[in-house]
C-alpha atoms as a PDB file:
ATOM      1  CA  MET A   1       0.551   0.123  -0.305  1.00  0.00           C
ATOM      2  CA  ALA A   2       0.684   3.454  -0.555  1.00  0.00           C
ATOM      3  CA  LEU A   3       2.711   5.595   2.555  1.00  0.00           C
ATOM      4  CA  LYS A   4       1.975   8.684   3.974  1.00  0.00           C
ATOM      5  CA  ILE A   5       3.281  11.164   6.600  1.00  0.00           C
ATOM      6  CA  THR A   6       1.699  11.533   9.636  1.00  0.00           C
ATOM      7  CA  GLU A   7       0.765  14.838  11.522  1.00  0.00           C
ATOM      8  CA  GLU A   8       4.081  14.088  13.478  1.00  0.00           C
ATOM      9  CA  CYS A   9       6.054  15.238  10.112  1.00  0.00           C
ATOM     10  CA  ILE A  10       8.482  18.110  11.650  1.00  0.00           C
ATOM     11  CA  ASN A  11       9.082  19.142   7.765  1.00  0.00           C
ATOM     12  CA  CYS A  12      12.991  18.267   7.855  1.00  0.00           C
ATOM     13  CA  GLY A  13      13.040  17.445   4.407  1.00  0.00           C
ATOM     14  CA  ALA A  14      15.108  15.068   4.567  1.00  0.00           C
ATOM     15  CA  CYS A  15      11.908  12.042   2.638  1.00  0.00           C
ATOM     16  CA  GLU A  16      11.250  14.055  -0.160  1.00  0.00           C
ATOM     17  CA  PRO A  17      15.320  13.490  -1.953  1.00  0.00           C
ATOM     18  CA  GLU A  18      15.225   9.742  -1.023  1.00  0.00           C
ATOM     19  CA  CYS A  19      11.928   9.146  -3.422  1.00  0.00           C
ATOM     20  CA  PRO A  20      12.534   7.712  -6.048  1.00  0.00           C
ATOM     21  CA  ASN A  21       9.532   7.852  -7.642  1.00  0.00           C
ATOM     22  CA  ASN A  22       9.200  12.074  -6.769  1.00  0.00           C
ATOM     23  CA  ALA A  23       5.786  11.109  -5.131  1.00  0.00           C
ATOM     24  CA  ILE A  24       6.839  13.530  -1.488  1.00  0.00           C
ATOM     25  CA  TYR A  25       6.097  17.161  -1.757  1.00  0.00           C
ATOM     26  CA  GLU A  26       7.129  19.728   0.306  1.00  0.00           C
ATOM     27  CA  GLY A  27       3.389  21.005   1.589  1.00  0.00           C
ATOM     28  CA  GLY A  28       1.335  23.642   0.098  1.00  0.00           C
ATOM     29  CA  VAL A  29       3.522  22.522  -2.795  1.00  0.00           C
ATOM     30  CA  GLU A  30       1.279  21.527  -6.490  1.00  0.00           C
ATOM     31  CA  TRP A  31       2.145  18.145  -7.448  1.00  0.00           C
ATOM     32  CA  ALA A  32       2.011  16.497 -10.739  1.00  0.00           C
ATOM     33  CA  ILE A  33       2.535  12.749 -11.855  1.00  0.00           C
ATOM     34  CA  ALA A  34       4.937  13.883 -14.237  1.00  0.00           C
ATOM     35  CA  ASP A  35       7.326  15.062 -11.693  1.00  0.00           C
ATOM     36  CA  GLY A  36       9.934  12.577 -11.329  1.00  0.00           C
ATOM     37  CA  THR A  37       8.481  10.462 -13.500  1.00  0.00           C
ATOM     38  CA  SER A  38       8.250   9.081 -17.373  1.00  0.00           C
ATOM     39  CA  VAL A  39       4.642   9.296 -17.868  1.00  0.00           C
ATOM     40  CA  LYS A  40       3.182  12.014 -20.559  1.00  0.00           C
ATOM     41  CA  GLY A  41       0.037  12.175 -21.752  1.00  0.00           C
ATOM     42  CA  SER A  42      -2.825  10.315 -19.772  1.00  0.00           C
ATOM     43  CA  TYR A  43      -3.138   8.742 -16.760  1.00  0.00           C
ATOM     44  CA  THR A  44      -5.970   6.708 -14.989  1.00  0.00           C
ATOM     45  CA  LEU A  45      -4.836   7.851 -11.240  1.00  0.00           C
ATOM     46  CA  LEU A  46      -6.026   4.787  -8.343  1.00  0.00           C
ATOM     47  CA  ASP A  47      -9.657   5.902  -8.857  1.00  0.00           C
ATOM     48  CA  GLY A  48     -10.195   5.335 -11.902  1.00  0.00           C
ATOM     49  CA  THR A  49      -9.759   9.561 -12.781  1.00  0.00           C
ATOM     50  CA  VAL A  50      -8.125  10.314 -15.683  1.00  0.00           C
ATOM     51  CA  VAL A  51      -5.759  13.062 -15.295  1.00  0.00           C
ATOM     52  CA  ASP A  52      -2.828  14.788 -17.899  1.00  0.00           C
ATOM     53  CA  ALA A  53       0.620  14.011 -16.323  1.00  0.00           C
ATOM     54  CA  GLU A  54       1.613  17.764 -16.795  1.00  0.00           C
ATOM     55  CA  GLN A  55      -1.496  18.727 -14.496  1.00  0.00           C
ATOM     56  CA  ARG A  56      -0.866  20.851 -11.487  1.00  0.00           C
ATOM     57  CA  ASN A  57      -2.580  18.705  -8.550  1.00  0.00           C
ATOM     58  CA  PRO A  58      -3.568  20.370  -5.240  1.00  0.00           C
ATOM     59  CA  PRO A  59      -1.464  19.977  -2.122  1.00  0.00           C
ATOM     60  CA  ILE A  60      -3.132  16.814   0.101  1.00  0.00           C
ATOM     61  CA  SER A  61      -1.329  19.033   2.864  1.00  0.00           C
ATOM     62  CA  VAL A  62      -0.511  22.832   3.104  1.00  0.00           C
ATOM     63  CA  ASP A  63       1.511  22.456   6.801  1.00  0.00           C
ATOM     64  CA  THR A  64       3.809  19.550   6.544  1.00  0.00           C
ATOM     65  CA  TYR A  65       5.493  16.908   3.730  1.00  0.00           C
ATOM     66  CA  TYR A  66       2.757  14.519   2.055  1.00  0.00           C
ATOM     67  CA  ILE A  67       3.479  11.669  -0.366  1.00  0.00           C
ATOM     68  CA  VAL A  68       1.143  11.330  -3.628  1.00  0.00           C
ATOM     69  CA  PRO A  69      -0.466   7.971  -3.323  1.00  0.00           C
ATOM     70  CA  HIS A  70      -0.603   7.813  -7.170  1.00  0.00           C
ATOM     71  CA  LYS A  71       2.925   7.754  -7.592  1.00  0.00           C
ATOM     72  CA  CYS A  72       3.950   5.713  -4.026  1.00  0.00           C
ATOM     73  CA  THR A  73       5.282   1.883  -5.199  1.00  0.00           C
ATOM     74  CA  GLU A  74       6.616   1.260  -0.899  1.00  0.00           C
ATOM     75  CA  CYS A  75      10.332   1.655  -3.138  1.00  0.00           C
ATOM     76  CA  LYS A  76       9.256  -1.498  -4.948  1.00  0.00           C
ATOM     77  CA  GLY A  77      11.360  -2.222  -7.619  1.00  0.00           C
ATOM     78  CA  PHE A  78      14.227   0.601  -6.010  1.00  0.00           C
ATOM     79  CA  HIS A  79      14.773  -0.435  -2.853  1.00  0.00           C
ATOM     80  CA  GLU A  80      14.793  -3.683  -0.326  1.00  0.00           C
ATOM     81  CA  GLU A  81      12.272  -0.514   2.021  1.00  0.00           C
ATOM     82  CA  PRO A  82      10.649   2.736   1.852  1.00  0.00           C
ATOM     83  CA  GLN A  83      12.917   4.561   2.118  1.00  0.00           C
ATOM     84  CA  CYS A  84      10.908   7.461   3.316  1.00  0.00           C
ATOM     85  CA  ALA A  85      10.514   6.137   6.201  1.00  0.00           C
ATOM     86  CA  ALA A  86      14.169   4.676   6.624  1.00  0.00           C
ATOM     87  CA  VAL A  87      15.597   8.297   6.560  1.00  0.00           C
ATOM     88  CA  CYS A  88      12.762   9.393   9.203  1.00  0.00           C
ATOM     89  CA  PRO A  89      13.618  10.842  12.318  1.00  0.00           C
ATOM     90  CA  VAL A  90      10.572  10.650  14.157  1.00  0.00           C
ATOM     91  CA  ASP A  91       9.000   7.969  12.090  1.00  0.00           C
ATOM     92  CA  CYS A  92       6.172   9.188  10.246  1.00  0.00           C
ATOM     93  CA  CYS A  93       5.823   8.003   7.463  1.00  0.00           C
ATOM     94  CA  VAL A  94       3.351   5.312   7.408  1.00  0.00           C
ATOM     95  CA  PRO A  95       1.301   2.652   5.545  1.00  0.00           C
ATOM     96  CA  ASP A  96      -1.286   4.265   4.036  1.00  0.00           C
ATOM     97  CA  GLU A  97      -4.724   2.565   5.209  1.00  0.00           C
ATOM     98  CA  LEU A  98      -6.613   4.319   2.375  1.00  0.00           C
ATOM     99  CA  TYR A  99      -4.795   2.746  -0.785  1.00  0.00           C
ATOM    100  CA  ARG A 100      -4.083  -1.104   0.023  1.00  0.00           C
ATOM    101  CA  GLU A 101      -2.096  -2.686  -2.984  1.00  0.00           C
ATOM    102  CA  SER A 102       0.075  -5.711  -3.998  1.00  0.00           C
ATOM    103  CA  GLU A 103       3.305  -5.995  -4.245  1.00  0.00           C
ATOM    104  CA  GLU A 104       1.951  -6.718  -7.749  1.00  0.00           C
ATOM    105  CA  GLU A 105       0.274  -3.473  -8.239  1.00  0.00           C
ATOM    106  CA  LEU A 106       2.885  -2.048  -6.618  1.00  0.00           C
ATOM    107  CA  LEU A 107       5.304  -3.054  -9.427  1.00  0.00           C
ATOM    108  CA  ALA A 108       2.909  -2.133 -11.873  1.00  0.00           C
ATOM    109  CA  LYS A 109       2.407   1.015 -10.954  1.00  0.00           C
ATOM    110  CA  LYS A 110       6.643   1.756 -11.169  1.00  0.00           C
ATOM    111  CA  GLU A 111       6.701   0.229 -14.611  1.00  0.00           C
ATOM    112  CA  ARG A 112       3.678   2.630 -15.148  1.00  0.00           C
ATOM    113  CA  LEU A 113       5.777   5.581 -14.037  1.00  0.00           C
ATOM    114  CA  HIS A 114       9.351   4.827 -15.068  1.00  0.00           C
ATOM    115  CA  LEU A 115       8.227   3.599 -18.497  1.00  0.00           C
END
């Protein structure tokens, strides 16, 4: 499943550069599927919504760093463990129970993001 950053985040920023999918953003910053990926054109989000990969989307959080679940693969296909959780000094990168995905689904998502 995708990870999320809890309210315990101290905004240190250690997690952001570790994400191979560019799924982590500073609070208040808009996100796009195309950021840090090779996706061009239309992309289908987890809920079935189709968006343009370049489309800027509203921030999920304004106060703390956040993880875009549509881009998070738990680092599957890149690393043995989620890198954000590995470097977080306050352990606030945790599984997001709203986005349950199997390892196969996470690997397929990785392949869609990095053609």
